[in-house]
Amino acid sequence: MESDVIRRARQHDETAWETLVAQHQEAVFRLAYLLLGSAADADDVAQEAFVRAFRFLDGFDTERPLRPWLLRITANLARNRRRSVGRYMAHLRRLVWAEPERVIDPEGQTARNADSQALWEAVRRLDTNDQEVIYLRYFMELSVEETADVLKIASGTVKSRLHRALNRLRAVVEQDFPILQRESALND
């Protein structure tokens, strides 16, 4: 049970802490990468998220799931990283001058890669709030309640933000990404 592992980690049981990190490191990195678009920045943020989580683990309510709490820490750190003027300007230069980072597809499914890249680019055109709610709900596959917990907003607010964000995403797809329209769930 996760609460038992957390209790042991609080007592500085290294194995327990390593277990928690192993269980959540992929989700933490994925969210950081989705929000920042850079593997190097995502690595830094993921590492800092676990450092902060360890530092504040005593204040965590073990009756709640750990994942949303870790993802909230990650999202906050990613937001702070984006706000940093120097990093933000470097990020803009990378977006303008460099080819976007691509996730390697071991099965070599070229069409799926093209669709994934197009969807990634379409979501990146939305504002930050729209990106966050879409990434958490659909890319990270969190429930509405977990998404609300990460963003510190009500579940109803998540639903309304998702509705508006998906409408804006649909408009971006229709205008600039016709490749996604042929089989897209956005065309319901």
N, C-alpha and C. Protein backbone atom coordinates (compact mmCIF):
# COMPACT_ATOMS: atom_id res chain seq x y z
N MET A 1 0.85 -1.18 0.00
CA MET A 1 0.00 0.00 0.00
C MET A 1 0.90 1.25 0.00
N GLU A 2 0.53 2.22 -0.80
CA GLU A 2 1.37 3.40 -0.97
C GLU A 2 1.58 4.17 0.34
N SER A 3 0.56 4.26 1.17
CA SER A 3 0.72 5.01 2.43
C SER A 3 1.78 4.38 3.34
N ASP A 4 1.91 3.06 3.29
CA ASP A 4 2.95 2.39 4.08
C ASP A 4 4.34 2.74 3.55
N VAL A 5 4.47 2.77 2.25
CA VAL A 5 5.76 3.11 1.64
C VAL A 5 6.11 4.57 1.97
N ILE A 6 5.11 5.44 1.95
CA ILE A 6 5.34 6.85 2.29
C ILE A 6 5.79 6.97 3.74
N ARG A 7 5.13 6.26 4.63
CA ARG A 7 5.53 6.31 6.04
C ARG A 7 6.98 5.87 6.23
N ARG A 8 7.37 4.80 5.52
CA ARG A 8 8.76 4.33 5.62
C ARG A 8 9.72 5.36 5.02
N ALA A 9 9.33 5.98 3.92
CA ALA A 9 10.18 7.02 3.30
C ALA A 9 10.35 8.20 4.24
N ARG A 10 9.30 8.54 4.98
CA ARG A 10 9.38 9.62 5.97
C ARG A 10 10.41 9.32 7.05
N GLN A 11 10.60 8.04 7.31
CA GLN A 11 11.58 7.61 8.32
C GLN A 11 12.96 7.41 7.70
N HIS A 12 13.14 7.97 6.51
CA HIS A 12 14.42 7.94 5.78
C HIS A 12 14.83 6.55 5.34
N ASP A 13 13.83 5.72 5.03
CA ASP A 13 14.08 4.41 4.45
C ASP A 13 14.36 4.63 2.96
N GLU A 14 15.62 4.47 2.58
CA GLU A 14 16.04 4.77 1.21
C GLU A 14 15.32 3.88 0.19
N THR A 15 15.13 2.63 0.51
CA THR A 15 14.45 1.70 -0.40
C THR A 15 13.01 2.15 -0.64
N ALA A 16 12.35 2.60 0.41
CA ALA A 16 10.97 3.07 0.26
C ALA A 16 10.92 4.30 -0.65
N TRP A 17 11.85 5.23 -0.46
CA TRP A 17 11.87 6.43 -1.31
C TRP A 17 12.16 6.05 -2.76
N GLU A 18 13.09 5.13 -2.98
CA GLU A 18 13.41 4.68 -4.34
C GLU A 18 12.19 4.02 -4.99
N THR A 19 11.40 3.31 -4.19
CA THR A 19 10.18 2.69 -4.70
C THR A 19 9.20 3.75 -5.18
N LEU A 20 9.02 4.79 -4.37
CA LEU A 20 8.11 5.88 -4.76
C LEU A 20 8.59 6.58 -6.02
N VAL A 21 9.87 6.85 -6.09
CA VAL A 21 10.42 7.51 -7.28
C VAL A 21 10.20 6.63 -8.51
N ALA A 22 10.51 5.33 -8.38
CA ALA A 22 10.35 4.42 -9.51
C ALA A 22 8.90 4.36 -9.99
N GLN A 23 7.96 4.40 -9.05
CA GLN A 23 6.54 4.32 -9.41
C GLN A 23 6.06 5.57 -10.14
N HIS A 24 6.66 6.71 -9.87
CA HIS A 24 6.13 7.97 -10.38
C HIS A 24 7.05 8.73 -11.33
N GLN A 25 8.28 8.25 -11.53
CA GLN A 25 9.23 9.04 -12.31
C GLN A 25 8.79 9.24 -13.76
N GLU A 26 8.17 8.24 -14.36
CA GLU A 26 7.74 8.38 -15.75
C GLU A 26 6.66 9.45 -15.88
N ALA A 27 5.68 9.43 -15.00
CA ALA A 27 4.60 10.42 -15.06
C ALA A 27 5.13 11.83 -14.80
N VAL A 28 6.04 11.97 -13.85
CA VAL A 28 6.62 13.28 -13.53
C VAL A 28 7.42 13.80 -14.72
N PHE A 29 8.25 12.96 -15.31
CA PHE A 29 9.03 13.39 -16.48
C PHE A 29 8.11 13.74 -17.65
N ARG A 30 7.11 12.88 -17.91
CA ARG A 30 6.20 13.13 -19.04
C ARG A 30 5.52 14.48 -18.91
N LEU A 31 5.03 14.79 -17.73
CA LEU A 31 4.35 16.07 -17.54
C LEU A 31 5.34 17.22 -17.74
N ALA A 32 6.52 17.11 -17.16
CA ALA A 32 7.52 18.17 -17.32
C ALA A 32 7.86 18.35 -18.80
N TYR A 33 8.01 17.25 -19.51
CA TYR A 33 8.34 17.33 -20.93
C TYR A 33 7.20 17.96 -21.73
N LEU A 34 5.98 17.56 -21.42
CA LEU A 34 4.83 18.13 -22.12
C LEU A 34 4.74 19.64 -21.90
N LEU A 35 5.01 20.08 -20.69
CA LEU A 35 4.89 21.49 -20.37
C LEU A 35 6.07 22.31 -20.87
N LEU A 36 7.24 21.69 -20.97
CA LEU A 36 8.45 22.45 -21.32
C LEU A 36 8.93 22.20 -22.75
N GLY A 37 8.65 21.03 -23.31
CA GLY A 37 9.06 20.73 -24.66
C GLY A 37 10.54 20.42 -24.82
N SER A 38 11.25 20.25 -23.74
CA SER A 38 12.68 19.99 -23.79
C SER A 38 13.00 18.87 -22.81
N ALA A 39 13.67 17.84 -23.30
CA ALA A 39 14.03 16.71 -22.44
C ALA A 39 15.00 17.14 -21.34
N ALA A 40 15.93 18.01 -21.68
CA ALA A 40 16.90 18.47 -20.68
C ALA A 40 16.21 19.25 -19.56
N ASP A 41 15.33 20.18 -19.93
CA ASP A 41 14.60 20.94 -18.92
C ASP A 41 13.68 20.02 -18.12
N ALA A 42 13.06 19.05 -18.80
CA ALA A 42 12.17 18.12 -18.12
C ALA A 42 12.94 17.28 -17.10
N ASP A 43 14.14 16.86 -17.46
CA ASP A 43 14.98 16.12 -16.50
C ASP A 43 15.26 16.95 -15.26
N ASP A 44 15.64 18.21 -15.48
CA ASP A 44 15.93 19.11 -14.36
C ASP A 44 14.71 19.29 -13.46
N VAL A 45 13.57 19.54 -14.07
CA VAL A 45 12.34 19.77 -13.31
C VAL A 45 11.91 18.50 -12.58
N ALA A 46 12.02 17.35 -13.23
CA ALA A 46 11.64 16.09 -12.59
C ALA A 46 12.51 15.83 -11.37
N GLN A 47 13.80 16.05 -11.53
CA GLN A 47 14.71 15.85 -10.40
C GLN A 47 14.37 16.81 -9.26
N GLU A 48 14.14 18.07 -9.58
CA GLU A 48 13.80 19.05 -8.55
C GLU A 48 12.45 18.71 -7.90
N ALA A 49 11.51 18.18 -8.68
CA ALA A 49 10.20 17.80 -8.12
C ALA A 49 10.37 16.72 -7.05
N PHE A 50 11.22 15.75 -7.32
CA PHE A 50 11.43 14.69 -6.32
C PHE A 50 12.20 15.21 -5.10
N VAL A 51 13.12 16.12 -5.33
CA VAL A 51 13.83 16.72 -4.19
C VAL A 51 12.85 17.47 -3.30
N ARG A 52 11.99 18.27 -3.93
CA ARG A 52 11.00 19.02 -3.14
C ARG A 52 10.00 18.09 -2.46
N ALA A 53 9.57 17.07 -3.18
CA ALA A 53 8.62 16.12 -2.59
C ALA A 53 9.23 15.47 -1.36
N PHE A 54 10.49 15.08 -1.44
CA PHE A 54 11.15 14.46 -0.29
C PHE A 54 11.23 15.44 0.86
N ARG A 55 11.58 16.68 0.54
CA ARG A 55 11.72 17.71 1.57
C ARG A 55 10.40 17.96 2.30
N PHE A 56 9.28 17.87 1.58
CA PHE A 56 7.98 18.19 2.17
C PHE A 56 7.11 16.96 2.39
N LEU A 57 7.70 15.78 2.33
CA LEU A 57 6.93 14.55 2.47
C LEU A 57 6.23 14.44 3.82
N ASP A 58 6.83 15.02 4.86
CA ASP A 58 6.20 14.97 6.18
C ASP A 58 4.86 15.68 6.21
N GLY A 59 4.68 16.68 5.36
CA GLY A 59 3.43 17.42 5.32
C GLY A 59 2.38 16.82 4.40
N PHE A 60 2.73 15.75 3.69
CA PHE A 60 1.80 15.13 2.75
C PHE A 60 0.77 14.29 3.50
N ASP A 61 -0.50 14.41 3.11
CA ASP A 61 -1.60 13.65 3.69
C ASP A 61 -1.64 12.26 3.05
N THR A 62 -1.26 11.23 3.80
CA THR A 62 -1.18 9.88 3.25
C THR A 62 -2.55 9.27 2.91
N GLU A 63 -3.61 9.96 3.26
CA GLU A 63 -4.95 9.49 2.88
C GLU A 63 -5.26 9.83 1.42
N ARG A 64 -4.44 10.68 0.84
CA ARG A 64 -4.62 11.10 -0.55
C ARG A 64 -3.60 10.37 -1.43
N PRO A 65 -3.89 10.24 -2.73
CA PRO A 65 -2.90 9.62 -3.62
C PRO A 65 -1.70 10.54 -3.83
N LEU A 66 -0.54 9.95 -3.94
CA LEU A 66 0.70 10.71 -4.08
C LEU A 66 0.85 11.31 -5.48
N ARG A 67 0.41 10.62 -6.49
CA ARG A 67 0.64 11.05 -7.88
C ARG A 67 0.16 12.47 -8.16
N PRO A 68 -1.09 12.85 -7.84
CA PRO A 68 -1.51 14.23 -8.11
C PRO A 68 -0.66 15.27 -7.38
N TRP A 69 -0.24 14.94 -6.17
CA TRP A 69 0.60 15.87 -5.39
C TRP A 69 1.94 16.06 -6.09
N LEU A 70 2.55 14.95 -6.52
CA LEU A 70 3.83 15.04 -7.25
C LEU A 70 3.66 15.81 -8.56
N LEU A 71 2.56 15.56 -9.26
CA LEU A 71 2.34 16.25 -10.54
C LEU A 71 2.07 17.74 -10.34
N ARG A 72 1.44 18.10 -9.22
CA ARG A 72 1.24 19.52 -8.92
C ARG A 72 2.59 20.20 -8.67
N ILE A 73 3.46 19.53 -7.92
CA ILE A 73 4.81 20.07 -7.70
C ILE A 73 5.51 20.23 -9.04
N THR A 74 5.41 19.21 -9.88
CA THR A 74 6.05 19.24 -11.21
C THR A 74 5.50 20.37 -12.06
N ALA A 75 4.18 20.52 -12.09
CA ALA A 75 3.56 21.59 -12.89
C ALA A 75 4.00 22.96 -12.39
N ASN A 76 4.05 23.14 -11.09
CA ASN A 76 4.49 24.43 -10.54
C ASN A 76 5.94 24.72 -10.89
N LEU A 77 6.79 23.73 -10.78
CA LEU A 77 8.20 23.92 -11.13
C LEU A 77 8.35 24.21 -12.62
N ALA A 78 7.57 23.52 -13.44
CA ALA A 78 7.64 23.76 -14.89
C ALA A 78 7.17 25.18 -15.21
N ARG A 79 6.10 25.62 -14.55
CA ARG A 79 5.63 27.00 -14.76
C ARG A 79 6.72 28.00 -14.37
N ASN A 80 7.36 27.76 -13.24
CA ASN A 80 8.45 28.64 -12.80
C ASN A 80 9.59 28.63 -13.80
N ARG A 81 9.89 27.49 -14.34
CA ARG A 81 10.98 27.37 -15.33
C ARG A 81 10.62 28.18 -16.57
N ARG A 82 9.37 28.07 -17.01
CA ARG A 82 8.94 28.82 -18.20
C ARG A 82 8.98 30.31 -17.96
N ARG A 83 8.67 30.72 -16.74
CA ARG A 83 8.63 32.15 -16.42
C ARG A 83 10.02 32.77 -16.36
N SER A 84 11.00 31.96 -16.15
CA SER A 84 12.36 32.47 -16.09
C SER A 84 12.71 33.12 -17.43
N VAL A 85 13.02 34.40 -17.40
CA VAL A 85 13.21 35.16 -18.64
C VAL A 85 14.31 34.57 -19.51
N GLY A 86 15.43 34.26 -18.93
CA GLY A 86 16.52 33.72 -19.73
C GLY A 86 16.17 32.40 -20.39
N ARG A 87 15.58 31.52 -19.62
CA ARG A 87 15.20 30.22 -20.17
C ARG A 87 14.07 30.38 -21.17
N TYR A 88 13.16 31.27 -20.88
CA TYR A 88 12.05 31.50 -21.79
C TYR A 88 12.55 31.99 -23.15
N MET A 89 13.48 32.92 -23.12
CA MET A 89 14.03 33.42 -24.39
C MET A 89 14.79 32.32 -25.12
N ALA A 90 15.55 31.52 -24.38
CA ALA A 90 16.26 30.40 -25.01
C ALA A 90 15.27 29.41 -25.61
N HIS A 91 14.20 29.17 -24.90
CA HIS A 91 13.15 28.26 -25.40
C HIS A 91 12.55 28.82 -26.69
N LEU A 92 12.26 30.11 -26.72
CA LEU A 92 11.72 30.70 -27.94
C LEU A 92 12.69 30.59 -29.11
N ARG A 93 13.97 30.81 -28.83
CA ARG A 93 14.97 30.67 -29.90
C ARG A 93 14.99 29.24 -30.41
N ARG A 94 14.90 28.25 -29.49
CA ARG A 94 14.89 26.85 -29.93
C ARG A 94 13.66 26.57 -30.78
N LEU A 95 12.52 27.11 -30.38
CA LEU A 95 11.30 26.87 -31.16
C LEU A 95 11.39 27.48 -32.55
N VAL A 96 11.99 28.65 -32.64
CA VAL A 96 12.07 29.34 -33.93
C VAL A 96 13.13 28.72 -34.83
N TRP A 97 14.30 28.39 -34.26
CA TRP A 97 15.45 28.00 -35.09
C TRP A 97 15.70 26.51 -35.16
N ALA A 98 15.19 25.75 -34.23
CA ALA A 98 15.52 24.32 -34.21
C ALA A 98 14.30 23.49 -34.59
N GLU A 99 14.58 22.32 -35.07
CA GLU A 99 13.52 21.37 -35.36
C GLU A 99 12.97 20.86 -34.03
N PRO A 100 11.67 20.68 -33.91
CA PRO A 100 11.11 20.21 -32.63
C PRO A 100 11.67 18.83 -32.26
N GLU A 101 11.82 18.63 -30.95
CA GLU A 101 12.26 17.32 -30.48
C GLU A 101 11.16 16.32 -30.81
N ARG A 102 11.57 15.14 -31.17
CA ARG A 102 10.60 14.11 -31.51
C ARG A 102 10.83 12.90 -30.61
N VAL A 103 9.73 12.26 -30.26
CA VAL A 103 9.82 11.05 -29.48
C VAL A 103 10.09 9.90 -30.45
N ILE A 104 11.07 9.10 -30.15
CA ILE A 104 11.44 8.00 -31.04
C ILE A 104 10.38 6.91 -30.95
N ASP A 105 9.92 6.45 -32.11
CA ASP A 105 8.92 5.40 -32.18
C ASP A 105 9.60 4.10 -32.57
N PRO A 106 9.81 3.18 -31.64
CA PRO A 106 10.57 1.98 -31.94
C PRO A 106 9.92 1.10 -33.01
N GLU A 107 8.62 1.16 -33.18
CA GLU A 107 7.97 0.33 -34.18
C GLU A 107 7.99 0.97 -35.56
N GLY A 108 8.46 2.21 -35.65
CA GLY A 108 8.59 2.86 -36.95
C GLY A 108 7.26 3.15 -37.63
N GLN A 109 6.25 3.47 -36.89
CA GLN A 109 4.95 3.75 -37.48
C GLN A 109 4.91 5.21 -37.91
N THR A 110 5.34 5.44 -39.13
CA THR A 110 5.54 6.78 -39.64
C THR A 110 4.27 7.62 -39.63
N ALA A 111 3.16 7.07 -40.06
CA ALA A 111 1.92 7.84 -40.10
C ALA A 111 1.49 8.26 -38.70
N ARG A 112 1.61 7.34 -37.76
CA ARG A 112 1.25 7.66 -36.39
C ARG A 112 2.18 8.73 -35.83
N ASN A 113 3.45 8.66 -36.18
CA ASN A 113 4.40 9.68 -35.75
C ASN A 113 4.01 11.04 -36.31
N ALA A 114 3.64 11.08 -37.56
CA ALA A 114 3.25 12.35 -38.18
C ALA A 114 2.02 12.92 -37.49
N ASP A 115 1.04 12.05 -37.20
CA ASP A 115 -0.16 12.50 -36.50
C ASP A 115 0.19 12.99 -35.09
N SER A 116 1.04 12.24 -34.39
CA SER A 116 1.44 12.63 -33.03
C SER A 116 2.16 13.96 -33.04
N GLN A 117 3.06 14.14 -33.99
CA GLN A 117 3.81 15.39 -34.09
C GLN A 117 2.87 16.55 -34.42
N ALA A 118 1.93 16.31 -35.32
CA ALA A 118 0.98 17.37 -35.68
C ALA A 118 0.10 17.72 -34.48
N LEU A 119 -0.37 16.71 -33.74
CA LEU A 119 -1.19 16.98 -32.56
C LEU A 119 -0.38 17.75 -31.52
N TRP A 120 0.87 17.33 -31.31
CA TRP A 120 1.77 18.03 -30.37
C TRP A 120 1.88 19.50 -30.77
N GLU A 121 2.12 19.75 -32.04
CA GLU A 121 2.28 21.13 -32.52
C GLU A 121 0.98 21.92 -32.39
N ALA A 122 -0.14 21.27 -32.64
CA ALA A 122 -1.43 21.95 -32.51
C ALA A 122 -1.69 22.36 -31.06
N VAL A 123 -1.43 21.46 -30.12
CA VAL A 123 -1.63 21.78 -28.70
C VAL A 123 -0.68 22.88 -28.26
N ARG A 124 0.56 22.85 -28.77
CA ARG A 124 1.54 23.88 -28.39
C ARG A 124 1.11 25.28 -28.83
N ARG A 125 0.18 25.38 -29.77
CA ARG A 125 -0.31 26.69 -30.21
C ARG A 125 -1.35 27.28 -29.28
N LEU A 126 -1.86 26.48 -28.37
CA LEU A 126 -2.86 26.95 -27.41
C LEU A 126 -2.16 27.71 -26.29
N ASP A 127 -2.95 28.47 -25.52
CA ASP A 127 -2.33 29.17 -24.39
C ASP A 127 -1.98 28.16 -23.29
N THR A 128 -1.20 28.59 -22.35
CA THR A 128 -0.65 27.72 -21.31
C THR A 128 -1.74 26.99 -20.53
N ASN A 129 -2.79 27.69 -20.14
CA ASN A 129 -3.86 27.04 -19.36
C ASN A 129 -4.53 25.94 -20.16
N ASP A 130 -4.77 26.18 -21.45
CA ASP A 130 -5.37 25.15 -22.30
C ASP A 130 -4.43 23.96 -22.44
N GLN A 131 -3.14 24.23 -22.65
CA GLN A 131 -2.17 23.15 -22.78
C GLN A 131 -2.15 22.28 -21.52
N GLU A 132 -2.10 22.93 -20.36
CA GLU A 132 -1.99 22.17 -19.11
C GLU A 132 -3.17 21.24 -18.91
N VAL A 133 -4.38 21.74 -19.11
CA VAL A 133 -5.55 20.91 -18.85
C VAL A 133 -5.63 19.76 -19.87
N ILE A 134 -5.25 20.00 -21.11
CA ILE A 134 -5.25 18.93 -22.12
C ILE A 134 -4.16 17.91 -21.83
N TYR A 135 -2.96 18.39 -21.50
CA TYR A 135 -1.86 17.46 -21.20
C TYR A 135 -2.21 16.56 -20.02
N LEU A 136 -2.72 17.16 -18.96
CA LEU A 136 -3.02 16.37 -17.77
C LEU A 136 -4.14 15.37 -18.03
N ARG A 137 -5.20 15.82 -18.65
CA ARG A 137 -6.37 14.96 -18.84
C ARG A 137 -6.16 13.89 -19.91
N TYR A 138 -5.57 14.26 -21.04
CA TYR A 138 -5.49 13.33 -22.15
C TYR A 138 -4.11 12.73 -22.37
N PHE A 139 -3.06 13.50 -22.25
CA PHE A 139 -1.73 12.95 -22.45
C PHE A 139 -1.28 12.16 -21.22
N MET A 140 -1.57 12.67 -20.03
CA MET A 140 -1.19 11.99 -18.79
C MET A 140 -2.30 11.03 -18.32
N GLU A 141 -3.46 11.10 -18.94
CA GLU A 141 -4.60 10.24 -18.65
C GLU A 141 -5.06 10.31 -17.20
N LEU A 142 -5.03 11.52 -16.64
CA LEU A 142 -5.55 11.71 -15.29
C LEU A 142 -7.07 11.83 -15.35
N SER A 143 -7.73 11.47 -14.29
CA SER A 143 -9.18 11.67 -14.20
C SER A 143 -9.45 13.16 -14.05
N VAL A 144 -10.70 13.55 -14.17
CA VAL A 144 -11.08 14.95 -13.97
C VAL A 144 -10.71 15.37 -12.55
N GLU A 145 -10.97 14.50 -11.59
CA GLU A 145 -10.68 14.82 -10.19
C GLU A 145 -9.17 14.98 -9.96
N GLU A 146 -8.37 14.08 -10.54
CA GLU A 146 -6.91 14.19 -10.39
C GLU A 146 -6.39 15.46 -11.06
N THR A 147 -6.95 15.77 -12.23
CA THR A 147 -6.56 17.00 -12.93
C THR A 147 -6.88 18.21 -12.07
N ALA A 148 -8.06 18.20 -11.46
CA ALA A 148 -8.46 19.30 -10.58
C ALA A 148 -7.49 19.42 -9.40
N ASP A 149 -7.10 18.29 -8.85
CA ASP A 149 -6.18 18.28 -7.72
C ASP A 149 -4.82 18.86 -8.11
N VAL A 150 -4.31 18.46 -9.27
CA VAL A 150 -3.01 18.97 -9.74
C VAL A 150 -3.07 20.48 -9.96
N LEU A 151 -4.14 20.95 -10.60
CA LEU A 151 -4.26 22.37 -10.93
C LEU A 151 -4.83 23.21 -9.79
N LYS A 152 -5.26 22.55 -8.72
CA LYS A 152 -5.87 23.24 -7.57
C LYS A 152 -7.10 24.05 -7.99
N ILE A 153 -7.97 23.40 -8.74
CA ILE A 153 -9.23 24.01 -9.16
C ILE A 153 -10.34 22.97 -8.97
N ALA A 154 -11.58 23.41 -9.04
CA ALA A 154 -12.72 22.51 -8.88
C ALA A 154 -12.88 21.61 -10.10
N SER A 155 -13.46 20.43 -9.89
CA SER A 155 -13.69 19.50 -10.99
C SER A 155 -14.55 20.12 -12.09
N GLY A 156 -15.54 20.90 -11.70
CA GLY A 156 -16.39 21.57 -12.69
C GLY A 156 -15.60 22.56 -13.53
N THR A 157 -14.62 23.21 -12.91
CA THR A 157 -13.76 24.14 -13.64
C THR A 157 -12.91 23.38 -14.64
N VAL A 158 -12.42 22.19 -14.25
CA VAL A 158 -11.65 21.37 -15.19
C VAL A 158 -12.51 21.04 -16.40
N LYS A 159 -13.76 20.62 -16.15
CA LYS A 159 -14.64 20.26 -17.26
C LYS A 159 -14.89 21.45 -18.20
N SER A 160 -15.13 22.61 -17.64
CA SER A 160 -15.39 23.77 -18.50
C SER A 160 -14.12 24.20 -19.23
N ARG A 161 -12.97 24.15 -18.56
CA ARG A 161 -11.71 24.49 -19.24
C ARG A 161 -11.42 23.49 -20.36
N LEU A 162 -11.67 22.22 -20.09
CA LEU A 162 -11.46 21.21 -21.13
C LEU A 162 -12.36 21.46 -22.32
N HIS A 163 -13.61 21.77 -22.07
CA HIS A 163 -14.55 22.04 -23.15
C HIS A 163 -14.05 23.20 -24.01
N ARG A 164 -13.68 24.30 -23.37
CA ARG A 164 -13.19 25.46 -24.11
C ARG A 164 -11.86 25.16 -24.82
N ALA A 165 -10.96 24.46 -24.12
CA ALA A 165 -9.66 24.13 -24.71
C ALA A 165 -9.82 23.22 -25.92
N LEU A 166 -10.70 22.25 -25.83
CA LEU A 166 -10.92 21.35 -26.97
C LEU A 166 -11.56 22.09 -28.14
N ASN A 167 -12.44 23.02 -27.85
CA ASN A 167 -13.00 23.84 -28.94
C ASN A 167 -11.92 24.66 -29.63
N ARG A 168 -11.03 25.25 -28.84
CA ARG A 168 -9.92 26.02 -29.43
C ARG A 168 -8.96 25.10 -30.20
N LEU A 169 -8.72 23.91 -29.64
CA LEU A 169 -7.86 22.95 -30.33
C LEU A 169 -8.50 22.52 -31.65
N ARG A 170 -9.80 22.28 -31.64
CA ARG A 170 -10.51 21.91 -32.86
C ARG A 170 -10.34 22.99 -33.92
N ALA A 171 -10.43 24.25 -33.52
CA ALA A 171 -10.27 25.36 -34.48
C ALA A 171 -8.85 25.38 -35.05
N VAL A 172 -7.85 25.16 -34.21
CA VAL A 172 -6.46 25.13 -34.68
C VAL A 172 -6.27 23.97 -35.66
N VAL A 173 -6.81 22.81 -35.31
CA VAL A 173 -6.68 21.63 -36.18
C VAL A 173 -7.35 21.88 -37.52
N GLU A 174 -8.57 22.41 -37.49
CA GLU A 174 -9.29 22.67 -38.74
C GLU A 174 -8.56 23.66 -39.62
N GLN A 175 -7.94 24.65 -39.03
CA GLN A 175 -7.26 25.68 -39.80
C GLN A 175 -5.89 25.24 -40.30
N ASP A 176 -5.10 24.59 -39.43
CA ASP A 176 -3.69 24.38 -39.76
C ASP A 176 -3.23 22.93 -39.83
N PHE A 177 -4.05 21.97 -39.42
CA PHE A 177 -3.61 20.58 -39.36
C PHE A 177 -4.64 19.63 -39.97
N PRO A 178 -4.89 19.74 -41.26
CA PRO A 178 -5.91 18.88 -41.88
C PRO A 178 -5.56 17.39 -41.78
N ILE A 179 -4.27 17.06 -41.60
CA ILE A 179 -3.85 15.67 -41.45
C ILE A 179 -4.55 15.01 -40.26
N LEU A 180 -4.88 15.80 -39.25
CA LEU A 180 -5.52 15.25 -38.05
C LEU A 180 -7.03 15.10 -38.20
N GLN A 181 -7.60 15.70 -39.20
CA GLN A 181 -9.06 15.68 -39.33
C GLN A 181 -9.62 14.38 -39.86
N ARG A 182 -8.83 13.62 -40.57
CA ARG A 182 -9.38 12.43 -41.22
C ARG A 182 -9.90 11.39 -40.24
N GLU A 183 -9.24 11.21 -39.09
CA GLU A 183 -9.69 10.20 -38.11
C GLU A 183 -9.79 10.80 -36.72
N SER A 184 -9.83 12.10 -36.63
CA SER A 184 -9.73 12.75 -35.33
C SER A 184 -10.99 12.63 -34.50
N ALA A 185 -10.79 12.41 -33.21
CA ALA A 185 -11.90 12.42 -32.26
C ALA A 185 -12.42 13.83 -32.07
N LEU A 186 -11.67 14.82 -32.58
CA LEU A 186 -12.10 16.21 -32.45
C LEU A 186 -13.27 16.52 -33.37
N ASN A 187 -13.55 15.63 -34.32
CA ASN A 187 -14.62 15.88 -35.29
C ASN A 187 -15.93 15.22 -34.89
N ASP A 188 -16.13 14.92 -33.64
CA ASP A 188 -17.34 14.22 -33.16
C ASP A 188 -18.59 14.79 -33.78
